[in-house]
PDB file of N, CA and C in Angstrom:
ATOM      1  N   MET A   1     -38.570  99.980  81.130  1.00  0.00           N
ATOM      2  CA  MET A   1     -38.730 100.894  80.024  1.00  0.00           C
ATOM      3  C   MET A   1     -39.613 100.241  78.976  1.00  0.00           C
ATOM      4  N   ASN A   2     -40.521 100.991  78.403  1.00  0.00           N
ATOM      5  CA  ASN A   2     -41.376 100.433  77.374  1.00  0.00           C
ATOM      6  C   ASN A   2     -40.644 100.394  76.032  1.00  0.00           C
ATOM      7  N   SER A   3     -41.152  99.595  75.109  1.00  0.00           N
ATOM      8  CA  SER A   3     -40.509  99.521  73.808  1.00  0.00           C
ATOM      9  C   SER A   3     -40.636 100.866  73.115  1.00  0.00           C
ATOM     10  N   GLY A   4     -39.583 101.269  72.453  1.00  0.00           N
ATOM     11  CA  GLY A   4     -39.588 102.544  71.774  1.00  0.00           C
ATOM     12  C   GLY A   4     -39.264 103.723  72.670  1.00  0.00           C
ATOM     13  N   GLY A   5     -39.030 103.477  73.947  1.00  0.00           N
ATOM     14  CA  GLY A   5     -38.713 104.561  74.870  1.00  0.00           C
ATOM     15  C   GLY A   5     -37.258 104.967  74.787  1.00  0.00           C
ATOM     16  N   ILE A   6     -36.980 106.185  75.211  1.00  0.00           N
ATOM     17  CA  ILE A   6     -35.623 106.708  75.250  1.00  0.00           C
ATOM     18  C   ILE A   6     -35.338 107.107  76.686  1.00  0.00           C
ATOM     19  N   HIS A   7     -34.201 106.672  77.202  1.00  0.00           N
ATOM     20  CA  HIS A   7     -33.818 107.000  78.578  1.00  0.00           C
ATOM     21  C   HIS A   7     -32.684 108.016  78.543  1.00  0.00           C
ATOM     22  N   ILE A   8     -32.841 109.111  79.283  1.00  0.00           N
ATOM     23  CA  ILE A   8     -31.802 110.125  79.406  1.00  0.00           C
ATOM     24  C   ILE A   8     -31.253 110.036  80.822  1.00  0.00           C
ATOM     25  N   ASP A   9     -29.957 109.707  80.949  1.00  0.00           N
ATOM     26  CA  ASP A   9     -29.352 109.543  82.264  1.00  0.00           C
ATOM     27  C   ASP A   9     -29.316 110.847  83.051  1.00  0.00           C
ATOM     28  N   LYS A  10     -28.891 111.931  82.400  1.00  0.00           N
ATOM     29  CA  LYS A  10     -28.739 113.201  83.115  1.00  0.00           C
ATOM     30  C   LYS A  10     -29.170 114.346  82.210  1.00  0.00           C
ATOM     31  N   VAL A  11     -29.988 115.232  82.768  1.00  0.00           N
ATOM     32  CA  VAL A  11     -30.406 116.438  82.050  1.00  0.00           C
ATOM     33  C   VAL A  11     -29.940 117.639  82.854  1.00  0.00           C
ATOM     34  N   SER A  12     -29.249 118.534  82.189  1.00  0.00           N
ATOM     35  CA  SER A  12     -28.814 119.771  82.804  1.00  0.00           C
ATOM     36  C   SER A  12     -29.601 120.897  82.159  1.00  0.00           C
ATOM     37  N   LEU A  13     -30.299 121.662  82.969  1.00  0.00           N
ATOM     38  CA  LEU A  13     -31.136 122.752  82.473  1.00  0.00           C
ATOM     39  C   LEU A  13     -30.730 124.040  83.170  1.00  0.00           C
ATOM     40  N   ARG A  14     -30.356 125.035  82.388  1.00  0.00           N
ATOM     41  CA  ARG A  14     -29.984 126.321  82.964  1.00  0.00           C
ATOM     42  C   ARG A  14     -31.020 127.358  82.560  1.00  0.00           C
ATOM     43  N   LEU A  15     -31.651 127.950  83.559  1.00  0.00           N
ATOM     44  CA  LEU A  15     -32.626 129.015  83.340  1.00  0.00           C
ATOM     45  C   LEU A  15     -31.983 130.319  83.798  1.00  0.00           C
ATOM     46  N   ARG A  16     -31.779 131.212  82.892  1.00  0.00           N
ATOM     47  CA  ARG A  16     -31.139 132.483  83.238  1.00  0.00           C
ATOM     48  C   ARG A  16     -32.173 133.531  83.620  1.00  0.00           C
ATOM     49  N   GLY A  17     -31.864 134.298  84.641  1.00  0.00           N
ATOM     50  CA  GLY A  17     -32.699 135.417  85.028  1.00  0.00           C
ATOM     51  C   GLY A  17     -33.961 135.056  85.789  1.00  0.00           C
ATOM     52  N   VAL A  18     -34.012 133.863  86.373  1.00  0.00           N
ATOM     53  CA  VAL A  18     -35.183 133.483  87.163  1.00  0.00           C
ATOM     54  C   VAL A  18     -34.744 133.153  88.587  1.00  0.00           C
ATOM     55  N   THR A  19     -35.677 133.284  89.515  1.00  0.00           N
ATOM     56  CA  THR A  19     -35.386 132.942  90.909  1.00  0.00           C
ATOM     57  C   THR A  19     -35.480 131.422  91.070  1.00  0.00           C
ATOM     58  N   PRO A  20     -34.909 130.880  92.130  1.00  0.00           N
ATOM     59  CA  PRO A  20     -35.044 129.444  92.364  1.00  0.00           C
ATOM     60  C   PRO A  20     -36.512 128.995  92.423  1.00  0.00           C
ATOM     61  N   ARG A  21     -37.363 129.825  93.000  1.00  0.00           N
ATOM     62  CA  ARG A  21     -38.790 129.480  93.077  1.00  0.00           C
ATOM     63  C   ARG A  21     -39.408 129.408  91.675  1.00  0.00           C
ATOM     64  N   GLN A  22     -39.102 130.383  90.828  1.00  0.00           N
ATOM     65  CA  GLN A  22     -39.606 130.363  89.460  1.00  0.00           C
ATOM     66  C   GLN A  22     -39.087 129.141  88.694  1.00  0.00           C
ATOM     67  N   ALA A  23     -37.831 128.799  88.934  1.00  0.00           N
ATOM     68  CA  ALA A  23     -37.245 127.633  88.266  1.00  0.00           C
ATOM     69  C   ALA A  23     -37.981 126.357  88.660  1.00  0.00           C
ATOM     70  N   ARG A  24     -38.285 126.203  89.934  1.00  0.00           N
ATOM     71  CA  ARG A  24     -39.029 125.020  90.392  1.00  0.00           C
ATOM     72  C   ARG A  24     -40.409 124.967  89.753  1.00  0.00           C
ATOM     73  N   GLN A  25     -41.062 126.130  89.636  1.00  0.00           N
ATOM     74  CA  GLN A  25     -42.393 126.174  89.041  1.00  0.00           C
ATOM     75  C   GLN A  25     -42.365 125.777  87.570  1.00  0.00           C
ATOM     76  N   ARG A  26     -41.305 126.127  86.873  1.00  0.00           N
ATOM     77  CA  ARG A  26     -41.210 125.849  85.434  1.00  0.00           C
ATOM     78  C   ARG A  26     -40.649 124.476  85.118  1.00  0.00           C
ATOM     79  N   ALA A  27     -40.092 123.787  86.096  1.00  0.00           N
ATOM     80  CA  ALA A  27     -39.393 122.527  85.848  1.00  0.00           C
ATOM     81  C   ALA A  27     -40.264 121.485  85.145  1.00  0.00           C
ATOM     82  N   GLY A  28     -41.499 121.306  85.580  1.00  0.00           N
ATOM     83  CA  GLY A  28     -42.369 120.297  84.964  1.00  0.00           C
ATOM     84  C   GLY A  28     -42.667 120.582  83.510  1.00  0.00           C
ATOM     85  N   SER A  29     -43.010 121.836  83.211  1.00  0.00           N
ATOM     86  CA  SER A  29     -43.316 122.167  81.817  1.00  0.00           C
ATOM     87  C   SER A  29     -42.071 122.085  80.945  1.00  0.00           C
ATOM     88  N   MET A  30     -40.923 122.439  81.498  1.00  0.00           N
ATOM     89  CA  MET A  30     -39.683 122.351  80.725  1.00  0.00           C
ATOM     90  C   MET A  30     -39.340 120.888  80.441  1.00  0.00           C
ATOM     91  N   ALA A  31     -39.570 120.009  81.401  1.00  0.00           N
ATOM     92  CA  ALA A  31     -39.303 118.589  81.184  1.00  0.00           C
ATOM     93  C   ALA A  31     -40.163 118.049  80.047  1.00  0.00           C
ATOM     94  N   ARG A  32     -41.427 118.471  80.000  1.00  0.00           N
ATOM     95  CA  ARG A  32     -42.305 118.045  78.900  1.00  0.00           C
ATOM     96  C   ARG A  32     -41.818 118.582  77.555  1.00  0.00           C
ATOM     97  N   GLU A  33     -41.387 119.838  77.523  1.00  0.00           N
ATOM     98  CA  GLU A  33     -40.883 120.418  76.275  1.00  0.00           C
ATOM     99  C   GLU A  33     -39.619 119.711  75.812  1.00  0.00           C
ATOM    100  N   ILE A  34     -38.736 119.390  76.749  1.00  0.00           N
ATOM    101  CA  ILE A  34     -37.507 118.669  76.403  1.00  0.00           C
ATOM    102  C   ILE A  34     -37.854 117.288  75.868  1.00  0.00           C
ATOM    103  N   ALA A  35     -38.778 116.587  76.531  1.00  0.00           N
ATOM    104  CA  ALA A  35     -39.190 115.256  76.072  1.00  0.00           C
ATOM    105  C   ALA A  35     -39.791 115.328  74.668  1.00  0.00           C
ATOM    106  N   ASP A  36     -40.607 116.330  74.395  1.00  0.00           N
ATOM    107  CA  ASP A  36     -41.182 116.500  73.060  1.00  0.00           C
ATOM    108  C   ASP A  36     -40.093 116.732  72.019  1.00  0.00           C
ATOM    109  N   ALA A  37     -39.124 117.588  72.357  1.00  0.00           N
ATOM    110  CA  ALA A  37     -38.046 117.891  71.415  1.00  0.00           C
ATOM    111  C   ALA A  37     -37.182 116.654  71.151  1.00  0.00           C
ATOM    112  N   VAL A  38     -36.893 115.875  72.198  1.00  0.00           N
ATOM    113  CA  VAL A  38     -36.122 114.641  72.007  1.00  0.00           C
ATOM    114  C   VAL A  38     -36.915 113.672  71.139  1.00  0.00           C
ATOM    115  N   GLY A  39     -38.215 113.571  71.383  1.00  0.00           N
ATOM    116  CA  GLY A  39     -39.058 112.693  70.574  1.00  0.00           C
ATOM    117  C   GLY A  39     -39.045 113.075  69.109  1.00  0.00           C
ATOM    118  N   ARG A  40     -39.080 114.377  68.825  1.00  0.00           N
ATOM    119  CA  ARG A  40     -39.051 114.838  67.435  1.00  0.00           C
ATOM    120  C   ARG A  40     -37.720 114.518  66.770  1.00  0.00           C
ATOM    121  N   GLN A  41     -36.657 114.429  67.563  1.00  0.00           N
ATOM    122  CA  GLN A  41     -35.327 114.156  67.020  1.00  0.00           C
ATOM    123  C   GLN A  41     -34.950 112.674  67.106  1.00  0.00           C
ATOM    124  N   ALA A  42     -35.888 111.824  67.472  1.00  0.00           N
ATOM    125  CA  ALA A  42     -35.598 110.397  67.671  1.00  0.00           C
ATOM    126  C   ALA A  42     -35.008 109.751  66.427  1.00  0.00           C
ATOM    127  N   GLY A  43     -35.322 110.249  65.253  1.00  0.00           N
ATOM    128  CA  GLY A  43     -34.770 109.698  64.015  1.00  0.00           C
ATOM    129  C   GLY A  43     -33.270 109.866  63.901  1.00  0.00           C
ATOM    130  N   ARG A  44     -32.712 110.808  64.639  1.00  0.00           N
ATOM    131  CA  ARG A  44     -31.262 111.047  64.610  1.00  0.00           C
ATOM    132  C   ARG A  44     -30.506 110.099  65.547  1.00  0.00           C
ATOM    133  N   ILE A  45     -31.240 109.415  66.389  1.00  0.00           N
ATOM    134  CA  ILE A  45     -30.617 108.478  67.322  1.00  0.00           C
ATOM    135  C   ILE A  45     -30.392 107.157  66.593  1.00  0.00           C
ATOM    136  N   ALA A  46     -29.222 106.559  66.795  1.00  0.00           N
ATOM    137  CA  ALA A  46     -28.882 105.315  66.114  1.00  0.00           C
ATOM    138  C   ALA A  46     -29.938 104.246  66.386  1.00  0.00           C
ATOM    139  N   PRO A  47     -30.288 103.446  65.364  1.00  0.00           N
ATOM    140  CA  PRO A  47     -31.286 102.386  65.549  1.00  0.00           C
ATOM    141  C   PRO A  47     -30.907 101.445  66.702  1.00  0.00           C
ATOM    142  N   GLY A  48     -31.886 101.124  67.515  1.00  0.00           N
ATOM    143  CA  GLY A  48     -31.656 100.227  68.646  1.00  0.00           C
ATOM    144  C   GLY A  48     -31.099 100.918  69.879  1.00  0.00           C
ATOM    145  N   ARG A  49     -30.710 102.165  69.746  1.00  0.00           N
ATOM    146  CA  ARG A  49     -30.151 102.895  70.880  1.00  0.00           C
ATOM    147  C   ARG A  49     -31.281 103.573  71.640  1.00  0.00           C
ATOM    148  N   THR A  50     -31.375 103.313  72.915  1.00  0.00           N
ATOM    149  CA  THR A  50     -32.449 103.904  73.719  1.00  0.00           C
ATOM    150  C   THR A  50     -31.897 104.706  74.890  1.00  0.00           C
ATOM    151  N   GLN A  51     -30.588 104.922  74.911  1.00  0.00           N
ATOM    152  CA  GLN A  51     -29.943 105.587  76.035  1.00  0.00           C
ATOM    153  C   GLN A  51     -29.226 106.851  75.565  1.00  0.00           C
ATOM    154  N   ILE A  52     -29.469 107.962  76.242  1.00  0.00           N
ATOM    155  CA  ILE A  52     -28.733 109.204  76.016  1.00  0.00           C
ATOM    156  C   ILE A  52     -28.030 109.509  77.328  1.00  0.00           C
ATOM    157  N   GLY A  53     -26.714 109.603  77.294  1.00  0.00           N
ATOM    158  CA  GLY A  53     -25.943 109.793  78.521  1.00  0.00           C
ATOM    159  C   GLY A  53     -26.176 111.123  79.205  1.00  0.00           C
ATOM    160  N   LYS A  54     -26.116 112.213  78.440  1.00  0.00           N
ATOM    161  CA  LYS A  54     -26.227 113.539  79.044  1.00  0.00           C
ATOM    162  C   LYS A  54     -26.849 114.489  78.031  1.00  0.00           C
ATOM    163  N   LEU A  55     -27.689 115.377  78.522  1.00  0.00           N
ATOM    164  CA  LEU A  55     -28.332 116.378  77.686  1.00  0.00           C
ATOM    165  C   LEU A  55     -28.287 117.705  78.438  1.00  0.00           C
ATOM    166  N   SER A  56     -27.740 118.747  77.815  1.00  0.00           N
ATOM    167  CA  SER A  56     -27.649 120.070  78.442  1.00  0.00           C
ATOM    168  C   SER A  56     -28.426 121.073  77.609  1.00  0.00           C
ATOM    169  N   VAL A  57     -29.266 121.862  78.262  1.00  0.00           N
ATOM    170  CA  VAL A  57     -30.115 122.830  77.576  1.00  0.00           C
ATOM    171  C   VAL A  57     -30.040 124.166  78.313  1.00  0.00           C
ATOM    172  N   ARG A  58     -29.917 125.255  77.558  1.00  0.00           N
ATOM    173  CA  ARG A  58     -29.944 126.602  78.131  1.00  0.00           C
ATOM    174  C   ARG A  58     -31.128 127.348  77.548  1.00  0.00           C
ATOM    175  N   LEU A  59     -31.886 127.998  78.415  1.00  0.00           N
ATOM    176  CA  LEU A  59     -33.067 128.742  77.984  1.00  0.00           C
ATOM    177  C   LEU A  59     -33.028 130.158  78.530  1.00  0.00           C
ATOM    178  N   ARG A  60     -33.544 131.074  77.767  1.00  0.00           N
ATOM    179  CA  ARG A  60     -33.628 132.477  78.191  1.00  0.00           C
ATOM    180  C   ARG A  60     -34.975 132.730  78.865  1.00  0.00           C
ATOM    181  N   THR A  61     -35.052 133.827  79.600  1.00  0.00           N
ATOM    182  CA  THR A  61     -36.275 134.142  80.343  1.00  0.00           C
ATOM    183  C   THR A  61     -37.388 134.646  79.454  1.00  0.00           C
ATOM    184  N   GLY A  62     -37.121 135.040  78.234  1.00  0.00           N
ATOM    185  CA  GLY A  62     -38.128 135.619  77.357  1.00  0.00           C
ATOM    186  C   GLY A  62     -39.266 134.696  77.003  1.00  0.00           C
ATOM    187  N   GLY A  63     -39.159 133.427  77.332  1.00  0.00           N
ATOM    188  CA  GLY A  63     -40.227 132.489  77.046  1.00  0.00           C
ATOM    189  C   GLY A  63     -40.146 131.873  75.663  1.00  0.00           C
ATOM    190  N   SER A  64     -39.293 132.407  74.807  1.00  0.00           N
ATOM    191  CA  SER A  64     -39.139 131.857  73.466  1.00  0.00           C
ATOM    192  C   SER A  64     -38.095 130.753  73.508  1.00  0.00           C
ATOM    193  N   ASN A  65     -38.552 129.520  73.379  1.00  0.00           N
ATOM    194  CA  ASN A  65     -37.655 128.369  73.455  1.00  0.00           C
ATOM    195  C   ASN A  65     -37.484 127.724  72.092  1.00  0.00           C
ATOM    196  N   SER A  66     -37.525 128.540  71.042  1.00  0.00           N
ATOM    197  CA  SER A  66     -37.445 128.007  69.693  1.00  0.00           C
ATOM    198  C   SER A  66     -36.120 127.314  69.432  1.00  0.00           C
ATOM    199  N   ASP A  67     -35.081 127.652  70.180  1.00  0.00           N
ATOM    200  CA  ASP A  67     -33.779 127.030  69.970  1.00  0.00           C
ATOM    201  C   ASP A  67     -33.656 125.699  70.694  1.00  0.00           C
ATOM    202  N   LEU A  68     -34.633 125.327  71.487  1.00  0.00           N
ATOM    203  CA  LEU A  68     -34.579 124.085  72.263  1.00  0.00           C
ATOM    204  C   LEU A  68     -34.336 122.883  71.352  1.00  0.00           C
ATOM    205  N   THR A  69     -35.102 122.753  70.290  1.00  0.00           N
ATOM    206  CA  THR A  69     -34.938 121.633  69.372  1.00  0.00           C
ATOM    207  C   THR A  69     -33.570 121.680  68.704  1.00  0.00           C
ATOM    208  N   GLY A  70     -33.109 122.871  68.351  1.00  0.00           N
ATOM    209  CA  GLY A  70     -31.795 123.013  67.735  1.00  0.00           C
ATOM    210  C   GLY A  70     -30.673 122.565  68.658  1.00  0.00           C
ATOM    211  N   GLN A  71     -30.761 122.913  69.930  1.00  0.00           N
ATOM    212  CA  GLN A  71     -29.750 122.494  70.898  1.00  0.00           C
ATOM    213  C   GLN A  71     -29.733 120.972  71.013  1.00  0.00           C
ATOM    214  N   ILE A  72     -30.903 120.377  71.088  1.00  0.00           N
ATOM    215  CA  ILE A  72     -30.986 118.918  71.223  1.00  0.00           C
ATOM    216  C   ILE A  72     -30.494 118.245  69.948  1.00  0.00           C
ATOM    217  N   ARG A  73     -30.873 118.784  68.784  1.00  0.00           N
ATOM    218  CA  ARG A  73     -30.428 118.220  67.506  1.00  0.00           C
ATOM    219  C   ARG A  73     -28.903 118.207  67.419  1.00  0.00           C
ATOM    220  N   ARG A  74     -28.266 119.320  67.807  1.00  0.00           N
ATOM    221  CA  ARG A  74     -26.798 119.391  67.761  1.00  0.00           C
ATOM    222  C   ARG A  74     -26.162 118.375  68.695  1.00  0.00           C
ATOM    223  N   GLN A  75     -26.732 118.203  69.883  1.00  0.00           N
ATOM    224  CA  GLN A  75     -26.149 117.246  70.832  1.00  0.00           C
ATOM    225  C   GLN A  75     -26.336 115.803  70.370  1.00  0.00           C
ATOM    226  N   LEU A  76     -27.510 115.481  69.860  1.00  0.00           N
ATOM    227  CA  LEU A  76     -27.733 114.107  69.408  1.00  0.00           C
ATOM    228  C   LEU A  76     -26.939 113.804  68.147  1.00  0.00           C
ATOM    229  N   GLY A  77     -26.739 114.803  67.314  1.00  0.00           N
ATOM    230  CA  GLY A  77     -25.962 114.605  66.094  1.00  0.00           C
ATOM    231  C   GLY A  77     -24.482 114.404  66.373  1.00  0.00           C
ATOM    232  N   GLY A  78     -24.003 114.964  67.484  1.00  0.00           N
ATOM    233  CA  GLY A  78     -22.588 114.869  67.817  1.00  0.00           C
ATOM    234  C   GLY A  78     -22.211 113.620  68.582  1.00  0.00           C
ATOM    235  N   GLU A  79     -23.220 112.856  69.019  1.00  0.00           N
ATOM    236  CA  GLU A  79     -22.909 111.658  69.818  1.00  0.00           C
ATOM    237  C   GLU A  79     -22.641 110.464  68.924  1.00  0.00           C
TER     238      GLU A  79
END
């Protein structure tokens, strides 16, 4: 791991209303969006901590993922 990196042990992503094929197609872009959102919330992670045990995210099919950062903020704030 590089310095300043954050490791997430397990990510659970639920996509509602999509087929398994659509979910596979979206997986890469969703991983990037999740990584961006975690990066924006890095200030909420305790200093020196680079490990997040579990992260769960639910997204709707409408394409609007504005709540993604809010979901991550709530989870990181509660740990």
